[in-house]
């Protein structure tokens, strides 16, 4: 029986906060790891027809897991960036809210390396990560519903953006986990290395 990979999760307070950028930064310093992108789809979620949304036309009765470069590489897209950052394999889970649990387990079952980075929030309700970083922009106070649901599981907060201030932001967040900024990325990497060493 193959051992479960070390799971490092990257979630976000909102969209467009820098989750993929952080994940790619981590892939570059953890060679030989895989990556999973989780995308929640909704039929007609945009108020238009089902094929107008970015992934609604990909939804089926079962979760969809695409793996390998041919199925997941697209220049400029998150999964393409994972490959360019050095992922040895990339898996893209496309699922409805009801399919996330089985879908993330199917994606994880395809991981053949010792470790995997997973981008997304919702899967954390069903799979316990070894370390879970929530990304927040220092200039954005919003937090989406899926982030609120998993914030208590966070191991650390990463403040993206050039003007991040750890002390000031940590005070406003009222969290009891470490808060890192881009200038402190080496410290976050060191912490993840310790987690990886313990879980091996």
Protein backbone atom coordinates (compact mmCIF):
# COMPACT_ATOMS: atom_id res chain seq x y z
CA UNK A 1 0.00 0.00 0.00
CA UNK A 2 1.44 3.35 -1.06
CA UNK A 3 1.96 5.96 1.63
CA UNK A 4 -0.18 9.10 1.53
CA UNK A 5 1.77 12.07 0.13
CA UNK A 6 2.57 15.10 2.23
CA UNK A 7 -0.16 17.64 1.45
CA UNK A 8 0.61 21.36 1.51
CA UNK A 9 -2.54 23.35 0.82
CA UNK A 10 -2.77 26.90 -0.52
CA UNK A 11 -6.11 28.64 -0.02
CA UNK A 12 -7.22 32.23 -0.44
CA UNK A 13 -9.38 34.81 1.31
CA UNK A 14 -10.73 35.82 -2.11
CA UNK A 15 -9.93 35.22 -5.76
CA UNK A 16 -6.90 36.92 -7.32
CA UNK A 17 -4.90 37.16 -4.09
CA UNK A 18 -1.74 35.41 -5.27
CA UNK A 19 -2.41 31.75 -4.45
CA UNK A 20 -0.96 30.48 -7.72
CA UNK A 21 2.09 32.74 -7.44
CA UNK A 22 2.85 31.39 -3.97
CA UNK A 23 2.27 27.81 -5.06
CA UNK A 24 4.68 28.27 -7.98
CA UNK A 25 7.27 29.85 -5.66
CA UNK A 26 7.01 26.73 -3.50
CA UNK A 27 7.19 24.32 -6.45
CA UNK A 28 10.52 25.87 -7.42
CA UNK A 29 12.04 24.99 -4.05
CA UNK A 30 10.40 21.58 -3.72
CA UNK A 31 11.54 19.80 -6.89
CA UNK A 32 9.87 16.51 -7.67
CA UNK A 33 6.48 17.50 -6.25
CA UNK A 34 3.10 17.40 -7.96
CA UNK A 35 0.29 19.97 -7.90
CA UNK A 36 -3.50 19.83 -7.81
CA UNK A 37 -5.79 22.67 -8.88
CA UNK A 38 -9.34 22.46 -7.55
CA UNK A 39 -12.06 24.33 -9.40
CA UNK A 40 -15.62 24.42 -8.15
CA UNK A 41 -18.12 24.72 -10.96
CA UNK A 42 -21.76 25.72 -10.90
CA UNK A 43 -24.35 25.10 -13.58
CA UNK A 44 -25.49 28.50 -14.87
CA UNK A 45 -23.69 30.19 -11.97
CA UNK A 46 -23.04 33.29 -14.05
CA UNK A 47 -26.71 33.75 -14.87
CA UNK A 48 -26.14 32.79 -18.50
CA UNK A 49 -26.42 29.46 -20.22
CA UNK A 50 -24.42 26.53 -18.85
CA UNK A 51 -21.74 26.85 -21.53
CA UNK A 52 -21.05 30.52 -20.83
CA UNK A 53 -19.27 29.93 -17.51
CA UNK A 54 -15.57 29.14 -17.48
CA UNK A 55 -15.98 25.52 -16.33
CA UNK A 56 -19.70 24.80 -16.30
CA UNK A 57 -19.47 23.13 -19.70
CA UNK A 58 -16.89 20.71 -18.26
CA UNK A 59 -19.12 19.47 -15.45
CA UNK A 60 -20.53 15.95 -15.62
CA UNK A 61 -22.43 13.62 -13.29
CA UNK A 62 -19.07 12.69 -11.74
CA UNK A 63 -16.11 14.87 -10.75
CA UNK A 64 -13.61 15.42 -13.57
CA UNK A 65 -9.90 14.92 -12.87
CA UNK A 66 -7.49 15.77 -15.68
CA UNK A 67 -3.87 14.70 -15.24
CA UNK A 68 -0.66 15.01 -17.21
CA UNK A 69 0.79 17.74 -19.36
CA UNK A 70 -1.35 17.07 -22.44
CA UNK A 71 -4.56 17.38 -20.41
CA UNK A 72 -3.61 20.26 -18.12
CA UNK A 73 -1.02 22.52 -19.72
CA UNK A 74 -2.26 25.79 -21.09
CA UNK A 75 0.08 28.76 -21.21
CA UNK A 76 -0.96 31.51 -18.83
CA UNK A 77 -3.45 29.36 -16.93
CA UNK A 78 -2.80 28.25 -13.34
CA UNK A 79 -2.10 24.67 -14.32
CA UNK A 80 0.29 25.82 -17.04
CA UNK A 81 2.15 27.93 -14.51
CA UNK A 82 2.52 24.88 -12.25
CA UNK A 83 4.26 22.99 -15.05
CA UNK A 84 6.52 25.95 -15.79
CA UNK A 85 7.43 26.17 -12.09
CA UNK A 86 8.63 22.57 -12.11
CA UNK A 87 5.73 20.33 -11.12
CA UNK A 88 6.39 16.74 -12.19
CA UNK A 89 2.67 16.21 -12.70
CA UNK A 90 -0.43 18.38 -12.51
CA UNK A 91 -3.98 17.28 -11.76
CA UNK A 92 -6.99 19.53 -12.35
CA UNK A 93 -10.15 18.71 -10.41
CA UNK A 94 -13.36 20.21 -11.79
CA UNK A 95 -16.37 19.50 -9.61
CA UNK A 96 -19.59 20.82 -8.15
CA UNK A 97 -19.85 21.42 -4.40
CA UNK A 98 -21.38 17.97 -4.02
CA UNK A 99 -18.53 16.31 -5.95
CA UNK A 100 -15.55 17.96 -4.22
CA UNK A 101 -15.11 15.28 -1.55
CA UNK A 102 -14.91 12.32 -3.91
CA UNK A 103 -13.06 14.37 -6.53
CA UNK A 104 -10.19 15.46 -4.28
CA UNK A 105 -9.76 11.88 -3.10
CA UNK A 106 -9.60 10.72 -6.71
CA UNK A 107 -7.01 13.41 -7.53
CA UNK A 108 -4.89 12.56 -4.50
CA UNK A 109 -5.00 8.88 -5.45
CA UNK A 110 -3.18 9.80 -8.69
CA UNK A 111 -0.26 11.45 -6.87
CA UNK A 112 2.85 9.28 -7.11
CA UNK A 113 5.40 11.57 -5.48
CA UNK A 114 6.22 12.17 -1.81
CA UNK A 115 4.50 15.55 -1.76
CA UNK A 116 1.78 17.57 -3.45
CA UNK A 117 0.66 21.19 -3.37
CA UNK A 118 -3.11 21.68 -3.58
CA UNK A 119 -4.68 25.01 -4.53
CA UNK A 120 -8.20 25.73 -3.35
CA UNK A 121 -10.34 26.13 -0.24
CA UNK A 122 -13.27 23.73 -0.35
CA UNK A 123 -11.34 20.46 -0.41
CA UNK A 124 -10.03 21.24 3.09
CA UNK A 125 -13.45 20.32 4.46
CA UNK A 126 -12.77 16.71 3.44
CA UNK A 127 -9.00 16.19 3.47
CA UNK A 128 -6.65 17.25 6.23
CA UNK A 129 -3.54 18.96 4.90
CA UNK A 130 -0.20 18.65 6.67
CA UNK A 131 0.14 22.44 6.38
CA UNK A 132 -2.42 24.94 5.13
CA UNK A 133 -1.48 28.46 4.05
CA UNK A 134 -4.26 31.00 3.51
CA UNK A 135 -3.29 33.86 1.18
CA UNK A 136 -4.64 37.37 1.72
CA UNK A 137 -3.96 40.64 -0.03
CA UNK A 138 -2.99 43.28 2.46
CA UNK A 139 -5.14 45.85 0.64
CA UNK A 140 -8.31 43.73 0.51
CA UNK A 141 -10.45 43.07 3.59
CA UNK A 142 -12.97 40.81 1.83
CA UNK A 143 -13.27 37.12 2.60
CA UNK A 144 -15.38 34.71 0.56
CA UNK A 145 -17.68 32.10 2.05
CA UNK A 146 -15.43 29.11 1.28
CA UNK A 147 -12.52 30.90 2.99
CA UNK A 148 -14.54 31.59 6.14
CA UNK A 149 -15.43 27.91 6.33
CA UNK A 150 -11.78 26.77 6.38
CA UNK A 151 -9.96 29.69 8.00
CA UNK A 152 -9.87 27.91 11.36
CA UNK A 153 -7.83 25.12 9.71
CA UNK A 154 -5.09 27.50 8.54
CA UNK A 155 -1.53 26.82 9.71
CA UNK A 156 -0.33 30.23 8.50
CA UNK A 157 -1.44 33.39 6.70
CA UNK A 158 0.56 34.74 3.77
CA UNK A 159 0.09 38.42 2.94
CA UNK A 160 0.65 39.04 -0.75
CA UNK A 161 1.41 42.49 -2.10
CA UNK A 162 4.33 44.83 -1.90
CA UNK A 163 3.10 46.88 1.05
CA UNK A 164 2.44 44.00 3.42
CA UNK A 165 3.18 44.68 7.07
CA UNK A 166 3.18 41.61 9.28
CA UNK A 167 2.68 43.31 12.61
CA UNK A 168 -0.08 45.64 11.51
CA UNK A 169 -1.95 43.01 9.52
CA UNK A 170 -1.63 40.31 12.18
CA UNK A 171 -3.24 42.66 14.68
CA UNK A 172 -6.26 43.25 12.43
CA UNK A 173 -6.65 39.56 11.56
CA UNK A 174 -6.91 38.39 15.17
CA UNK A 175 -5.38 35.02 14.27
CA UNK A 176 -3.22 32.76 16.36
CA UNK A 177 -1.11 31.43 13.50
CA UNK A 178 2.09 32.82 11.99
CA UNK A 179 1.70 35.62 9.45
CA UNK A 180 4.25 35.90 6.63
CA UNK A 181 4.90 38.54 3.99
CA UNK A 182 6.78 38.18 0.66
CA UNK A 183 10.00 39.33 2.33
CA UNK A 184 9.53 36.51 4.84
CA UNK A 185 8.95 33.82 2.22
CA UNK A 186 12.24 32.07 3.17
CA UNK A 187 10.90 31.67 6.73
CA UNK A 188 7.65 30.17 5.42
CA UNK A 189 9.63 27.79 3.19
CA UNK A 190 11.75 26.77 6.17
CA UNK A 191 8.62 26.04 8.19
CA UNK A 192 7.17 23.91 5.40
CA UNK A 193 10.48 22.03 5.13
CA UNK A 194 10.18 21.18 8.84
CA UNK A 195 6.64 19.91 8.30
CA UNK A 196 7.78 17.81 5.35
CA UNK A 197 10.67 16.32 7.35
CA UNK A 198 8.34 15.35 10.19
CA UNK A 199 5.74 13.79 7.87
CA UNK A 200 8.24 11.69 5.92
